[in-house]
N, C-alpha and C. Protein backbone atom coordinates (compact mmCIF):
# COMPACT_ATOMS: atom_id res chain seq x y z
N UNK A 1 -70.48 57.29 54.76
CA UNK A 1 -69.69 58.41 54.31
C UNK A 1 -69.49 58.27 52.76
N UNK A 2 -70.35 58.39 51.63
CA UNK A 2 -69.10 57.82 50.66
C UNK A 2 -68.11 59.01 50.32
N UNK A 3 -67.16 58.00 49.43
CA UNK A 3 -66.01 59.13 49.30
C UNK A 3 -66.24 60.45 48.69
N UNK A 4 -67.18 60.53 47.68
CA UNK A 4 -67.34 61.94 47.19
C UNK A 4 -68.14 62.96 47.93
N UNK A 5 -68.72 62.35 49.23
CA UNK A 5 -69.02 63.28 50.21
C UNK A 5 -67.66 63.38 50.78
N UNK A 6 -67.10 62.73 51.50
CA UNK A 6 -65.71 62.83 52.27
C UNK A 6 -65.09 63.98 51.18
N UNK A 7 -64.92 63.59 50.23
CA UNK A 7 -64.26 64.80 49.37
C UNK A 7 -64.63 66.42 49.49
N UNK A 8 -66.22 65.95 49.60
CA UNK A 8 -66.76 67.39 49.51
C UNK A 8 -65.86 68.40 50.68
N UNK A 9 -65.61 67.59 51.91
CA UNK A 9 -65.00 68.11 52.98
C UNK A 9 -63.86 68.80 53.28
N UNK A 10 -63.26 68.12 52.19
CA UNK A 10 -61.62 68.66 52.07
C UNK A 10 -61.65 69.55 51.28
N UNK A 11 -60.32 70.66 51.88
CA UNK A 11 -60.03 71.80 51.07
C UNK A 11 -59.41 71.49 49.81
N UNK A 12 -59.18 72.50 48.87
CA UNK A 12 -57.73 72.50 48.28
C UNK A 12 -56.84 73.05 48.17
N UNK A 13 -55.52 72.18 47.88
CA UNK A 13 -54.54 72.63 48.26
C UNK A 13 -53.79 73.73 47.24
N UNK A 14 -53.63 75.05 47.81
CA UNK A 14 -52.67 76.10 47.15
C UNK A 14 -51.90 75.60 46.22
N UNK A 15 -51.96 75.66 44.86
CA UNK A 15 -50.54 75.34 44.46
C UNK A 15 -49.88 76.22 42.94
N UNK A 16 -48.31 75.93 42.71
CA UNK A 16 -48.43 76.85 41.77
C UNK A 16 -47.76 75.85 40.70
N UNK A 17 -47.85 76.34 39.38
CA UNK A 17 -47.17 75.40 38.43
C UNK A 17 -46.58 76.18 37.13
N UNK A 18 -45.55 75.51 36.65
CA UNK A 18 -44.65 76.58 35.67
C UNK A 18 -44.36 75.71 34.49
N UNK A 19 -44.91 76.37 33.23
CA UNK A 19 -44.89 76.04 31.78
C UNK A 19 -43.79 76.73 31.41
N UNK A 20 -42.71 75.97 31.15
CA UNK A 20 -40.93 76.49 30.65
C UNK A 20 -41.00 76.29 29.36
N UNK A 21 -41.05 77.29 28.64
CA UNK A 21 -40.30 77.44 27.50
C UNK A 21 -39.04 77.68 27.25
N UNK A 22 -38.76 76.98 25.84
CA UNK A 22 -36.99 77.13 25.52
C UNK A 22 -37.29 78.25 24.35
N UNK A 23 -36.25 78.56 24.03
CA UNK A 23 -36.28 79.69 22.86
C UNK A 23 -36.78 79.00 21.38
N UNK A 24 -37.14 78.09 20.99
CA UNK A 24 -37.56 77.27 20.03
C UNK A 24 -39.07 77.42 20.24
N UNK A 25 -39.83 77.54 21.16
CA UNK A 25 -40.80 77.37 21.71
C UNK A 25 -41.82 76.27 21.88
N UNK A 26 -40.78 75.45 21.96
CA UNK A 26 -41.11 73.87 22.90
C UNK A 26 -41.01 74.34 24.32
N UNK A 27 -42.31 72.98 24.92
CA UNK A 27 -41.95 73.21 27.06
C UNK A 27 -41.51 72.26 27.10
N UNK A 28 -41.11 72.30 28.84
CA UNK A 28 -40.58 71.03 29.07
C UNK A 28 -41.60 70.22 29.77
N UNK A 29 -41.70 69.11 29.71
CA UNK A 29 -42.30 68.10 30.76
C UNK A 29 -41.66 67.23 31.19
N UNK A 30 -42.17 66.54 32.39
CA UNK A 30 -41.03 65.75 33.19
C UNK A 30 -42.14 64.39 33.49
N UNK A 31 -41.52 63.43 33.42
CA UNK A 31 -42.27 61.97 33.95
C UNK A 31 -42.18 61.69 35.08
N UNK A 32 -43.02 61.66 35.90
CA UNK A 32 -43.41 61.57 37.34
C UNK A 32 -42.89 60.03 37.63
N UNK A 33 -42.00 59.85 38.59
CA UNK A 33 -41.28 59.03 39.47
C UNK A 33 -42.41 57.54 39.86
N UNK A 34 -43.47 58.48 40.74
CA UNK A 34 -44.31 57.57 41.27
C UNK A 34 -45.72 57.21 40.09
N UNK A 35 -45.14 56.99 39.35
CA UNK A 35 -46.22 56.55 37.96
C UNK A 35 -45.45 55.56 37.08
N UNK A 36 -46.15 54.53 36.66
CA UNK A 36 -45.77 53.37 36.33
C UNK A 36 -45.41 53.71 34.70
N UNK A 37 -44.29 53.05 34.31
CA UNK A 37 -44.22 53.49 32.82
C UNK A 37 -43.13 53.27 33.00
N UNK A 38 -42.16 52.94 31.79
CA UNK A 38 -40.87 53.36 31.49
C UNK A 38 -40.24 53.76 30.01
N UNK A 39 -39.20 54.03 29.82
CA UNK A 39 -38.76 54.92 28.63
C UNK A 39 -38.94 56.23 28.10
N UNK A 40 -38.98 56.67 27.19
CA UNK A 40 -39.34 57.77 26.40
C UNK A 40 -40.33 58.76 25.92
N UNK A 41 -41.17 57.79 25.46
CA UNK A 41 -42.10 58.24 24.99
C UNK A 41 -43.23 59.14 25.67
N UNK A 42 -43.86 59.68 25.08
CA UNK A 42 -44.83 60.64 26.06
C UNK A 42 -46.40 59.87 26.55
N UNK A 43 -45.96 58.82 25.70
CA UNK A 43 -47.18 57.41 26.25
C UNK A 43 -46.98 56.62 27.49
N UNK A 44 -45.34 56.82 28.01
CA UNK A 44 -45.16 56.10 28.66
C UNK A 44 -44.80 56.45 30.10
N UNK A 45 -46.12 56.16 30.84
CA UNK A 45 -45.60 56.74 31.89
C UNK A 45 -46.34 58.18 32.50
N UNK A 46 -46.36 58.88 33.34
CA UNK A 46 -47.41 60.15 33.46
C UNK A 46 -46.43 61.10 33.49
N UNK A 47 -46.67 62.20 32.55
CA UNK A 47 -45.89 63.54 32.44
C UNK A 47 -46.62 64.45 32.73
N UNK A 48 -46.04 65.43 32.86
CA UNK A 48 -46.36 67.00 33.71
C UNK A 48 -45.42 67.95 33.66
N UNK A 49 -46.03 69.34 34.00
CA UNK A 49 -45.06 70.36 34.18
C UNK A 49 -44.80 70.28 35.49
N UNK A 50 -43.47 71.04 35.91
CA UNK A 50 -43.76 71.07 37.34
C UNK A 50 -44.66 71.89 37.77
N UNK A 51 -44.64 71.64 39.45
CA UNK A 51 -45.61 72.34 39.75
C UNK A 51 -45.54 71.48 41.34
N UNK A 52 -45.99 72.06 42.48
CA UNK A 52 -46.16 72.22 44.12
C UNK A 52 -46.92 73.25 44.77
N UNK A 53 -46.75 72.86 45.95
CA UNK A 53 -47.60 73.93 47.13
C UNK A 53 -46.90 74.78 47.21
N UNK A 54 -47.81 75.64 47.75
CA UNK A 54 -47.46 76.94 48.25
C UNK A 54 -47.54 77.03 49.87
N UNK A 55 -46.00 77.42 50.33
CA UNK A 55 -45.93 77.44 51.63
C UNK A 55 -46.68 78.59 52.63
N UNK A 56 -47.32 78.36 53.43
CA UNK A 56 -47.85 79.55 54.31
C UNK A 56 -47.25 80.84 53.75
N UNK A 57 -48.53 81.66 53.55
CA UNK A 57 -47.54 82.73 53.72
C UNK A 57 -46.75 83.43 52.62
N UNK A 58 -46.45 82.19 51.79
CA UNK A 58 -45.26 82.59 50.14
C UNK A 58 -46.37 83.01 49.31
N UNK A 59 -45.68 83.80 48.96
CA UNK A 59 -46.43 84.53 47.88
C UNK A 59 -46.01 83.61 46.21
N UNK A 60 -46.87 83.62 45.45
CA UNK A 60 -47.15 82.31 44.31
C UNK A 60 -45.86 82.80 43.45
N UNK A 61 -45.61 83.85 43.16
CA UNK A 61 -44.39 84.23 41.95
C UNK A 61 -43.05 83.73 42.57
N UNK A 62 -42.90 83.83 44.06
CA UNK A 62 -41.69 82.91 45.06
C UNK A 62 -41.87 81.64 44.88
N UNK A 63 -43.10 81.21 44.83
CA UNK A 63 -43.15 79.75 44.91
C UNK A 63 -43.03 79.10 43.71
N UNK A 64 -43.13 79.79 42.85
CA UNK A 64 -42.83 78.71 41.59
C UNK A 64 -41.65 78.70 41.17
N UNK A 65 -40.99 79.78 41.30
CA UNK A 65 -39.18 79.46 41.14
C UNK A 65 -38.56 78.75 42.18
N UNK A 66 -38.90 78.62 43.43
CA UNK A 66 -38.55 77.62 44.52
C UNK A 66 -38.72 76.07 44.18
N UNK A 67 -40.10 75.87 43.45
CA UNK A 67 -40.81 74.31 43.00
C UNK A 67 -39.83 74.49 41.69
N UNK A 68 -39.39 74.92 41.10
CA UNK A 68 -38.65 74.86 39.67
C UNK A 68 -37.75 74.71 39.99
N UNK A 69 -36.60 75.33 41.01
CA UNK A 69 -35.54 74.91 41.61
C UNK A 69 -35.47 73.35 42.20
N UNK A 70 -36.42 73.30 43.14
CA UNK A 70 -36.47 71.89 43.47
C UNK A 70 -36.98 70.61 42.96
N UNK A 71 -37.86 70.93 42.05
CA UNK A 71 -37.47 69.61 41.17
C UNK A 71 -36.51 69.59 39.82
N UNK A 72 -36.30 70.42 39.57
CA UNK A 72 -35.61 70.54 38.08
C UNK A 72 -34.30 71.21 38.20
N UNK A 73 -34.03 71.89 39.66
CA UNK A 73 -32.66 72.36 39.89
C UNK A 73 -31.92 73.42 39.19
N UNK A 74 -33.29 73.86 38.55
CA UNK A 74 -33.07 75.12 37.89
C UNK A 74 -32.85 76.63 38.80
N UNK A 75 -31.47 77.06 38.46
CA UNK A 75 -31.34 77.75 39.29
C UNK A 75 -32.47 79.38 38.40
N UNK A 76 -32.92 80.40 39.71
CA UNK A 76 -34.04 81.47 38.86
C UNK A 76 -33.01 82.07 38.19
N UNK A 77 -31.60 82.47 37.88
CA UNK A 77 -31.11 83.38 36.84
C UNK A 77 -31.12 82.73 35.16
N UNK A 78 -31.51 81.35 35.29
CA UNK A 78 -31.73 80.69 34.06
C UNK A 78 -33.39 81.09 33.53
N UNK A 79 -33.97 81.53 34.21
CA UNK A 79 -35.67 81.74 34.19
C UNK A 79 -35.88 83.38 34.11
N UNK A 80 -37.04 83.40 33.23
CA UNK A 80 -37.95 84.86 33.19
C UNK A 80 -39.03 84.73 33.34
N UNK A 81 -39.83 85.72 34.08
CA UNK A 81 -41.55 85.42 33.80
C UNK A 81 -41.99 86.15 32.68
N UNK A 82 -42.74 84.91 31.97
CA UNK A 82 -43.39 85.42 30.41
C UNK A 82 -44.53 85.97 30.70
N UNK A 83 -45.44 85.11 31.61
CA UNK A 83 -47.05 85.60 31.82
C UNK A 83 -47.37 84.52 33.09
N UNK A 84 -48.23 85.51 33.69
CA UNK A 84 -49.12 84.92 35.24
C UNK A 84 -50.45 84.85 34.63
N UNK A 85 -50.61 83.50 34.49
CA UNK A 85 -52.33 83.12 34.23
C UNK A 85 -53.36 83.82 34.99
N UNK A 86 -53.64 84.92 34.71
CA UNK A 86 -54.96 85.67 35.24
C UNK A 86 -55.79 84.98 36.21
N UNK A 87 -56.28 83.27 36.34
CA UNK A 87 -56.87 83.05 36.79
C UNK A 87 -56.71 81.95 37.78
N UNK A 88 -57.04 81.44 38.80
CA UNK A 88 -56.71 79.95 39.63
C UNK A 88 -57.26 79.25 39.14
N UNK A 89 -56.63 77.76 38.37
CA UNK A 89 -57.37 76.55 38.04
C UNK A 89 -57.22 75.44 38.93
N UNK A 90 -58.74 75.11 39.20
CA UNK A 90 -58.91 74.16 40.41
C UNK A 90 -59.13 72.98 39.61
N UNK A 91 -58.76 71.78 39.85
CA UNK A 91 -59.04 70.38 40.01
C UNK A 91 -59.19 70.03 41.03
N UNK A 92 -60.32 68.68 40.35
CA UNK A 92 -60.64 67.59 41.80
C UNK A 92 -59.32 66.36 41.48
N UNK A 93 -59.43 65.74 42.53
CA UNK A 93 -58.72 64.47 42.15
C UNK A 93 -59.45 63.32 42.07
N UNK A 94 -59.09 62.20 40.89
CA UNK A 94 -60.44 61.50 40.93
C UNK A 94 -60.44 60.59 41.87
N UNK A 95 -61.32 60.13 42.32
CA UNK A 95 -61.98 59.30 43.26
C UNK A 95 -61.26 58.53 44.15
N UNK A 96 -60.22 57.60 43.10
CA UNK A 96 -59.15 56.43 43.79
C UNK A 96 -58.25 57.26 44.21
N UNK A 97 -58.02 58.62 44.35
CA UNK A 97 -57.00 59.21 44.67
C UNK A 97 -57.06 59.92 45.97
N UNK A 98 -58.40 60.00 46.58
CA UNK A 98 -58.82 61.21 47.55
C UNK A 98 -58.47 60.19 49.03
N UNK A 99 -58.11 60.98 49.82
CA UNK A 99 -57.32 59.90 50.91
C UNK A 99 -55.84 59.85 50.76
N UNK A 100 -55.70 59.88 49.63
CA UNK A 100 -54.54 59.12 49.39
C UNK A 100 -53.10 60.34 48.62
N UNK A 101 -53.37 60.64 47.65
CA UNK A 101 -52.22 62.07 47.31
C UNK A 101 -52.94 62.99 47.95
N UNK A 102 -51.53 63.86 47.76
CA UNK A 102 -51.68 65.31 48.60
C UNK A 102 -51.53 65.04 50.13
N UNK A 103 -51.09 63.71 50.71
CA UNK A 103 -51.43 63.92 52.02
C UNK A 103 -52.42 63.54 52.18
N UNK A 104 -53.52 63.32 51.46
CA UNK A 104 -54.53 62.57 51.93
C UNK A 104 -55.48 63.61 52.89
N UNK A 105 -55.17 64.73 52.39
CA UNK A 105 -55.52 66.34 53.36
C UNK A 105 -56.29 66.94 52.41
N UNK A 106 -56.79 66.78 51.05
CA UNK A 106 -57.04 67.58 50.08
C UNK A 106 -57.86 66.74 49.21
N UNK A 107 -59.12 67.81 48.38
CA UNK A 107 -59.78 67.20 47.52
C UNK A 107 -59.19 67.39 46.32
N UNK A 108 -58.20 68.23 45.67
CA UNK A 108 -57.71 68.54 44.88
C UNK A 108 -56.60 69.67 44.74
N UNK A 109 -56.39 70.24 43.65
CA UNK A 109 -55.96 71.79 44.25
C UNK A 109 -56.15 72.75 43.35
N UNK A 110 -55.94 74.23 43.52
CA UNK A 110 -56.12 75.15 43.27
C UNK A 110 -54.71 76.18 42.63
N UNK A 111 -54.80 75.75 41.46
CA UNK A 111 -53.28 76.55 40.60
C UNK A 111 -53.46 77.54 40.23
N UNK A 112 -52.12 78.35 40.42
CA UNK A 112 -51.72 79.51 39.89
C UNK A 112 -50.69 79.29 38.88
N UNK A 113 -50.82 79.43 37.35
CA UNK A 113 -49.96 79.09 36.35
C UNK A 113 -49.32 80.20 35.67
N UNK A 114 -47.72 79.69 35.84
CA UNK A 114 -46.97 80.69 35.14
C UNK A 114 -46.09 80.32 33.86
N UNK A 115 -45.53 81.10 32.99
CA UNK A 115 -45.24 80.76 32.00
C UNK A 115 -43.97 81.23 32.06
N UNK A 116 -42.76 80.65 32.06
CA UNK A 116 -41.30 81.12 32.39
C UNK A 116 -40.39 80.76 30.92
N UNK A 117 -39.72 81.97 30.96
CA UNK A 117 -38.68 81.66 29.44
C UNK A 117 -37.54 80.78 30.22
N UNK A 118 -36.84 79.63 29.44
CA UNK A 118 -36.00 79.23 29.88
C UNK A 118 -34.60 79.35 29.24
N UNK A 119 -33.57 80.32 29.50
CA UNK A 119 -32.29 80.76 29.11
C UNK A 119 -31.03 79.95 29.13
N UNK A 120 -31.27 78.59 29.49
CA UNK A 120 -30.05 77.69 29.81
C UNK A 120 -30.22 76.82 29.17
N UNK A 121 -29.15 75.37 29.05
CA UNK A 121 -29.51 74.26 28.47
C UNK A 121 -29.32 72.89 29.04
N UNK A 122 -29.52 71.93 28.47
CA UNK A 122 -30.37 70.61 28.93
C UNK A 122 -29.77 70.26 30.08
N UNK A 123 -28.40 70.83 30.16
CA UNK A 123 -26.89 70.26 31.11
C UNK A 123 -27.31 70.86 32.14
N UNK A 124 -28.21 72.32 32.33
CA UNK A 124 -28.78 72.54 33.39
C UNK A 124 -29.77 72.28 34.31
N UNK A 125 -30.62 71.10 33.63
CA UNK A 125 -31.57 70.71 34.29
C UNK A 125 -30.85 69.38 35.30
N UNK A 126 -31.60 69.57 36.58
CA UNK A 126 -31.06 68.55 37.60
C UNK A 126 -32.19 67.53 38.13
N UNK A 127 -32.95 66.68 37.49
CA UNK A 127 -33.98 66.52 38.00
C UNK A 127 -32.95 65.21 39.65
N UNK A 128 -32.31 65.39 39.88
CA UNK A 128 -31.49 64.66 41.11
C UNK A 128 -31.32 65.67 42.11
N UNK A 129 -31.51 67.47 41.96
CA UNK A 129 -31.46 68.51 42.72
C UNK A 129 -32.06 68.14 44.15
N UNK A 130 -33.61 67.42 43.86
CA UNK A 130 -34.00 67.42 45.54
C UNK A 130 -34.23 66.02 45.93
N UNK A 131 -33.68 65.20 47.18
CA UNK A 131 -34.33 64.09 47.39
C UNK A 131 -35.61 64.01 48.28
N UNK A 132 -36.32 63.21 47.62
CA UNK A 132 -36.98 62.28 46.72
C UNK A 132 -36.93 63.11 45.33
N UNK A 133 -36.48 62.52 44.38
CA UNK A 133 -36.53 63.26 43.03
C UNK A 133 -38.02 62.89 42.85
N UNK A 134 -38.96 63.60 42.59
CA UNK A 134 -40.06 63.54 41.71
C UNK A 134 -40.36 63.05 39.98
N UNK A 135 -39.23 63.39 39.24
CA UNK A 135 -38.98 63.13 38.09
C UNK A 135 -37.64 61.97 37.69
N UNK A 136 -38.32 61.47 36.54
CA UNK A 136 -37.38 60.61 36.34
C UNK A 136 -36.67 60.93 34.66
N UNK A 137 -37.47 61.59 34.21
CA UNK A 137 -36.75 62.06 32.64
C UNK A 137 -37.67 63.32 32.08
N UNK A 138 -37.29 64.06 31.64
CA UNK A 138 -37.83 64.90 30.93
C UNK A 138 -37.34 64.91 29.41
N UNK A 139 -38.35 66.28 28.84
CA UNK A 139 -38.55 66.38 27.07
C UNK A 139 -39.05 67.47 26.95
N UNK A 140 -38.68 68.17 25.92
CA UNK A 140 -39.13 69.50 25.42
C UNK A 140 -40.39 68.83 24.07
N UNK A 141 -41.10 69.74 24.29
CA UNK A 141 -42.62 69.01 23.03
C UNK A 141 -43.02 70.29 22.86
N UNK A 142 -43.95 70.26 21.57
CA UNK A 142 -44.98 71.09 21.28
C UNK A 142 -45.94 71.24 21.99
N UNK A 143 -46.11 72.41 22.31
CA UNK A 143 -47.52 72.93 23.59
C UNK A 143 -48.59 72.02 22.71
N UNK A 144 -48.56 72.51 21.87
CA UNK A 144 -50.32 71.97 21.31
C UNK A 144 -50.28 69.82 21.36
N UNK A 145 -49.16 69.32 21.46
CA UNK A 145 -49.04 67.68 21.69
C UNK A 145 -49.14 67.42 23.35
N UNK A 146 -48.96 68.64 24.13
CA UNK A 146 -48.85 68.43 25.64
C UNK A 146 -50.61 67.28 25.96
N UNK A 147 -51.90 67.87 25.41
CA UNK A 147 -52.90 67.12 25.83
C UNK A 147 -52.93 65.64 25.04
N UNK A 148 -52.55 65.45 24.49
CA UNK A 148 -52.12 63.94 23.83
C UNK A 148 -51.88 62.95 24.32
N UNK A 149 -50.68 63.57 25.28
CA UNK A 149 -49.84 62.57 25.78
C UNK A 149 -50.39 62.57 26.90
N UNK A 150 -49.61 61.11 27.65
CA UNK A 150 -50.37 60.58 28.79
C UNK A 150 -50.05 61.87 30.20
N UNK A 151 -51.29 62.43 30.14
CA UNK A 151 -50.80 63.75 31.32
C UNK A 151 -52.15 63.51 32.45
N UNK A 152 -52.48 62.21 32.48
CA UNK A 152 -53.43 61.69 33.42
C UNK A 152 -54.73 62.66 33.67
N UNK A 153 -55.17 62.74 34.46
CA UNK A 153 -56.23 63.52 35.05
C UNK A 153 -56.44 65.01 34.59
N UNK A 154 -54.79 65.18 34.50
CA UNK A 154 -54.87 66.92 34.19
C UNK A 154 -54.94 67.38 32.75
N UNK A 155 -55.81 66.68 31.99
CA UNK A 155 -55.80 66.62 30.42
C UNK A 155 -56.73 67.90 30.43
N UNK A 156 -57.82 68.12 31.04
CA UNK A 156 -58.58 69.08 30.81
C UNK A 156 -57.65 70.53 31.33
N UNK A 157 -56.69 70.31 32.37
CA UNK A 157 -56.27 71.74 32.77
C UNK A 157 -55.01 72.31 31.54
N UNK A 158 -54.40 71.11 30.99
CA UNK A 158 -53.65 71.34 29.87
C UNK A 158 -54.26 71.43 28.62
N UNK A 159 -55.55 71.08 28.52
CA UNK A 159 -56.14 71.55 27.23
C UNK A 159 -56.19 73.19 27.38
N UNK A 160 -56.47 73.80 28.48
CA UNK A 160 -56.88 75.31 28.68
C UNK A 160 -55.50 76.02 28.60
N UNK A 161 -54.50 75.64 28.61
CA UNK A 161 -53.54 76.33 29.00
C UNK A 161 -52.26 76.32 27.61
N UNK A 162 -52.87 75.77 26.65
CA UNK A 162 -52.71 75.33 25.42
C UNK A 162 -53.08 76.65 24.48
N UNK A 163 -54.61 76.88 25.11
CA UNK A 163 -55.37 78.10 24.62
C UNK A 163 -54.71 79.22 24.98
N UNK A 164 -54.50 79.38 26.47
CA UNK A 164 -54.24 80.28 26.85
C UNK A 164 -52.71 80.83 26.98
N UNK A 165 -51.49 79.79 26.85
CA UNK A 165 -50.79 80.06 26.52
C UNK A 165 -50.08 79.82 25.17
N UNK A 166 -51.19 79.81 24.38
CA UNK A 166 -50.30 79.25 22.93
C UNK A 166 -49.51 80.29 22.37
N UNK A 167 -49.92 81.56 22.55
CA UNK A 167 -48.92 82.57 21.66
C UNK A 167 -47.32 82.69 22.28
N UNK A 168 -47.29 82.04 23.10
CA UNK A 168 -46.11 82.17 23.95
C UNK A 168 -45.16 80.85 22.99
N UNK A 169 -45.79 80.25 22.24
CA UNK A 169 -44.97 79.03 21.85
C UNK A 169 -44.76 79.23 20.67
N UNK A 170 -44.20 80.56 20.32
CA UNK A 170 -43.80 80.65 18.74
C UNK A 170 -42.27 80.83 19.08
N UNK A 171 -41.24 80.50 18.07
CA UNK A 171 -39.76 80.70 18.25
C UNK A 171 -39.57 82.31 18.42
N UNK A 172 -38.51 82.38 19.88
CA UNK A 172 -38.17 83.80 20.06
C UNK A 172 -37.07 84.24 18.50
């Protein structure tokens, strides 16, 4: 059986993702620990918005706040919901990651995206809050710049979200 046929037999993993907006309209992205590259520029390493799986029986809104706390150490009191994306956005893993990423059990993910407002400071962000850490650096960027950085195979999703959440990127 070819890899593509094997992938078609696998399900999609239910997932949540957060686009976190600062008061100046910039969004938070973080660099993955498991991808090569070091340094600060958006082109070094692979950068993404926080995301993670939904636990069995868990509500997506509950899951997104849990994931942000686990990955960034942010207490829910520092965040509030701006918008829930109306659609579930599905993506397939690249062929070379089938059977390796996501525990090898999924062909990709189906994501519910949330736009969250951040009311804290950079000092509130703790990438070491969860072991093992998923990210080693973070930065605030203009939403429109997101698809032009090294966001890997998730670029089409980020291009869509720039359009769908674009109105939220204006300073408060």
